[in-house]
Amino acid sequence: MRTSEERIEEVFRQVDERNKARAHRNYIVGTVATFVASLLILIISGVAVSKVYMEPNGLAPTGATGSIFAQGGALGYVLIAILSFGLGVTFALFCYRLKNKSDKSDEGIKDD
């Protein structure tokens, strides 16, 4: 038979386990949501860049990526800058999350 203190300790341990599981689940959902959002931004930006310069007949020139800079238009430069900035921020956040996860796992190993 367990004493009241042992029961209370067990309840606190179970609550702690559930909180850790919930935090891990939220972390996974956040990571997946961030990845999906950045992928959507990348796809939308790619589509936007491909529609910057159109021929008079409505078709985009094929095989000429540099054609977005044709006729001195600055819109192509702006879209490339926004796309590059977005990818850089996404990559930086991804690395930051990996570093935090690594630090947390290292702390867990040291505590044991």
C-alpha atoms as a PDB file:
ATOM      1  CA  MET A   1       0.000   0.000   0.000  1.00  0.00           C
ATOM      2  CA  ARG A   2       1.333   3.419  -0.949  1.00  0.00           C
ATOM      3  CA  THR A   3       1.310   6.378   1.332  1.00  0.00           C
ATOM      4  CA  SER A   4      -0.412   9.642   0.492  1.00  0.00           C
ATOM      5  CA  GLU A   5       2.932  11.274  -0.285  1.00  0.00           C
ATOM      6  CA  GLU A   6       3.781   8.538  -2.796  1.00  0.00           C
ATOM      7  CA  ARG A   7       0.387   8.932  -4.464  1.00  0.00           C
ATOM      8  CA  ILE A   8       0.786  12.709  -4.695  1.00  0.00           C
ATOM      9  CA  GLU A   9       4.286  12.278  -6.091  1.00  0.00           C
ATOM     10  CA  GLU A  10       2.939   9.838  -8.701  1.00  0.00           C
ATOM     11  CA  VAL A  11       0.193  12.273  -9.711  1.00  0.00           C
ATOM     12  CA  PHE A  12       2.728  15.074 -10.143  1.00  0.00           C
ATOM     13  CA  ARG A  13       4.947  12.767 -12.209  1.00  0.00           C
ATOM     14  CA  GLN A  14       2.036  11.841 -14.485  1.00  0.00           C
ATOM     15  CA  VAL A  15       1.050  15.496 -14.892  1.00  0.00           C
ATOM     16  CA  ASP A  16       4.638  16.344 -15.767  1.00  0.00           C
ATOM     17  CA  GLU A  17       4.765  13.551 -18.369  1.00  0.00           C
ATOM     18  CA  ARG A  18       1.519  14.766 -19.951  1.00  0.00           C
ATOM     19  CA  ASN A  19       2.767  18.345 -20.064  1.00  0.00           C
ATOM     20  CA  LYS A  20       6.005  17.240 -21.721  1.00  0.00           C
ATOM     21  CA  ALA A  21       4.067  15.171 -24.267  1.00  0.00           C
ATOM     22  CA  ARG A  22       1.778  18.121 -25.013  1.00  0.00           C
ATOM     23  CA  ALA A  23       4.753  20.479 -25.415  1.00  0.00           C
ATOM     24  CA  HIS A  24       6.452  18.016 -27.768  1.00  0.00           C
ATOM     25  CA  ARG A  25       3.262  17.621 -29.814  1.00  0.00           C
ATOM     26  CA  ASN A  26       2.889  21.419 -30.050  1.00  0.00           C
ATOM     27  CA  TYR A  27       6.515  21.695 -31.142  1.00  0.00           C
ATOM     28  CA  ILE A  28       5.986  19.122 -33.905  1.00  0.00           C
ATOM     29  CA  VAL A  29       2.790  20.824 -35.104  1.00  0.00           C
ATOM     30  CA  GLY A  30       4.543  24.202 -35.107  1.00  0.00           C
ATOM     31  CA  THR A  31       7.485  22.842 -37.072  1.00  0.00           C
ATOM     32  CA  VAL A  32       5.254  21.203 -39.673  1.00  0.00           C
ATOM     33  CA  ALA A  33       3.080  24.324 -39.960  1.00  0.00           C
ATOM     34  CA  THR A  34       6.181  26.494 -40.444  1.00  0.00           C
ATOM     35  CA  PHE A  35       7.510  24.154 -43.118  1.00  0.00           C
ATOM     36  CA  VAL A  36       4.182  24.061 -44.974  1.00  0.00           C
ATOM     37  CA  ALA A  37       3.806  27.850 -44.791  1.00  0.00           C
ATOM     38  CA  SER A  38       7.319  28.426 -46.130  1.00  0.00           C
ATOM     39  CA  LEU A  39       6.730  25.906 -48.903  1.00  0.00           C
ATOM     40  CA  LEU A  40       3.517  27.686 -49.901  1.00  0.00           C
ATOM     41  CA  ILE A  41       5.295  31.035 -49.895  1.00  0.00           C
ATOM     42  CA  LEU A  42       8.020  29.562 -52.080  1.00  0.00           C
ATOM     43  CA  ILE A  43       5.495  28.142 -54.558  1.00  0.00           C
ATOM     44  CA  ILE A  44       3.438  31.339 -54.678  1.00  0.00           C
ATOM     45  CA  SER A  45       6.595  33.434 -55.158  1.00  0.00           C
ATOM     46  CA  GLY A  46       7.753  31.136 -57.950  1.00  0.00           C
ATOM     47  CA  VAL A  47       4.423  31.476 -59.724  1.00  0.00           C
ATOM     48  CA  ALA A  48       4.498  35.254 -59.246  1.00  0.00           C
ATOM     49  CA  VAL A  49       8.017  35.483 -60.685  1.00  0.00           C
ATOM     50  CA  SER A  50       7.018  33.430 -63.716  1.00  0.00           C
ATOM     51  CA  LYS A  51       4.141  35.818 -64.450  1.00  0.00           C
ATOM     52  CA  VAL A  52       6.146  39.045 -64.218  1.00  0.00           C
ATOM     53  CA  TYR A  53       7.095  39.151 -67.862  1.00  0.00           C
ATOM     54  CA  MET A  54       4.676  37.905 -70.486  1.00  0.00           C
ATOM     55  CA  GLU A  55       4.930  38.051 -74.218  1.00  0.00           C
ATOM     56  CA  PRO A  56       2.236  40.040 -76.037  1.00  0.00           C
ATOM     57  CA  ASN A  57       0.540  36.746 -76.975  1.00  0.00           C
ATOM     58  CA  GLY A  58       0.171  35.868 -73.263  1.00  0.00           C
ATOM     59  CA  LEU A  59       2.841  33.182 -73.112  1.00  0.00           C
ATOM     60  CA  ALA A  60       5.854  33.429 -70.868  1.00  0.00           C
ATOM     61  CA  PRO A  61       9.189  32.916 -72.596  1.00  0.00           C
ATOM     62  CA  THR A  62      10.531  29.473 -71.858  1.00  0.00           C
ATOM     63  CA  GLY A  63      14.099  28.623 -71.035  1.00  0.00           C
ATOM     64  CA  ALA A  64      15.047  32.201 -70.273  1.00  0.00           C
ATOM     65  CA  THR A  65      15.024  32.775 -66.544  1.00  0.00           C
ATOM     66  CA  GLY A  66      16.729  36.128 -66.976  1.00  0.00           C
ATOM     67  CA  SER A  67      13.757  37.334 -68.998  1.00  0.00           C
ATOM     68  CA  ILE A  68      12.120  38.747 -65.860  1.00  0.00           C
ATOM     69  CA  PHE A  69      14.755  41.456 -66.051  1.00  0.00           C
ATOM     70  CA  ALA A  70      13.922  42.279 -69.672  1.00  0.00           C
ATOM     71  CA  GLN A  71      13.068  45.830 -70.660  1.00  0.00           C
ATOM     72  CA  GLY A  72      14.615  47.264 -67.485  1.00  0.00           C
ATOM     73  CA  GLY A  73      11.714  46.320 -65.228  1.00  0.00           C
ATOM     74  CA  ALA A  74      12.435  46.594 -61.506  1.00  0.00           C
ATOM     75  CA  LEU A  75       9.573  44.293 -60.523  1.00  0.00           C
ATOM     76  CA  GLY A  76      11.695  41.221 -61.204  1.00  0.00           C
ATOM     77  CA  TYR A  77      14.414  42.497 -58.895  1.00  0.00           C
ATOM     78  CA  VAL A  78      11.892  43.191 -56.157  1.00  0.00           C
ATOM     79  CA  LEU A  79      10.352  39.720 -56.411  1.00  0.00           C
ATOM     80  CA  ILE A  80      13.752  38.024 -56.357  1.00  0.00           C
ATOM     81  CA  ALA A  81      14.751  40.106 -53.306  1.00  0.00           C
ATOM     82  CA  ILE A  82      11.542  39.216 -51.448  1.00  0.00           C
ATOM     83  CA  LEU A  83      11.919  35.543 -52.344  1.00  0.00           C
ATOM     84  CA  SER A  84      15.561  35.506 -51.208  1.00  0.00           C
ATOM     85  CA  PHE A  85      14.735  37.283 -47.967  1.00  0.00           C
ATOM     86  CA  GLY A  86      11.879  34.881 -47.228  1.00  0.00           C
ATOM     87  CA  LEU A  87      14.031  31.835 -47.875  1.00  0.00           C
ATOM     88  CA  GLY A  88      16.811  33.265 -45.719  1.00  0.00           C
ATOM     89  CA  VAL A  89      14.455  33.925 -42.817  1.00  0.00           C
ATOM     90  CA  THR A  90      12.912  30.464 -43.152  1.00  0.00           C
ATOM     91  CA  PHE A  91      16.339  28.827 -43.155  1.00  0.00           C
ATOM     92  CA  ALA A  92      17.481  30.888 -40.153  1.00  0.00           C
ATOM     93  CA  LEU A  93      14.365  29.949 -38.168  1.00  0.00           C
ATOM     94  CA  PHE A  94      14.830  26.295 -39.083  1.00  0.00           C
ATOM     95  CA  CYS A  95      18.444  26.355 -37.867  1.00  0.00           C
ATOM     96  CA  TYR A  96      17.413  28.166 -34.678  1.00  0.00           C
ATOM     97  CA  ARG A  97      14.786  25.526 -33.921  1.00  0.00           C
ATOM     98  CA  LEU A  98      17.274  22.718 -34.556  1.00  0.00           C
ATOM     99  CA  LYS A  99      19.784  24.363 -32.230  1.00  0.00           C
ATOM    100  CA  ASN A 100      17.162  24.742 -29.482  1.00  0.00           C
ATOM    101  CA  LYS A 101      16.117  21.126 -29.895  1.00  0.00           C
ATOM    102  CA  SER A 102      19.733  20.010 -29.711  1.00  0.00           C
ATOM    103  CA  ASP A 103      20.340  22.120 -26.594  1.00  0.00           C
ATOM    104  CA  LYS A 104      17.245  20.692 -24.915  1.00  0.00           C
ATOM    105  CA  SER A 105      18.272  17.131 -25.681  1.00  0.00           C
ATOM    106  CA  ASP A 106      21.781  17.832 -24.347  1.00  0.00           C
ATOM    107  CA  GLU A 107      20.302  19.205 -21.108  1.00  0.00           C
ATOM    108  CA  GLY A 108      18.164  16.089 -20.792  1.00  0.00           C
ATOM    109  CA  ILE A 109      21.229  13.883 -21.094  1.00  0.00           C
ATOM    110  CA  LYS A 110      23.150  15.912 -18.482  1.00  0.00           C
ATOM    111  CA  ASP A 111      20.234  15.783 -16.010  1.00  0.00           C
ATOM    112  CA  ASP A 112      20.060  11.970 -16.069  1.00  0.00           C
END
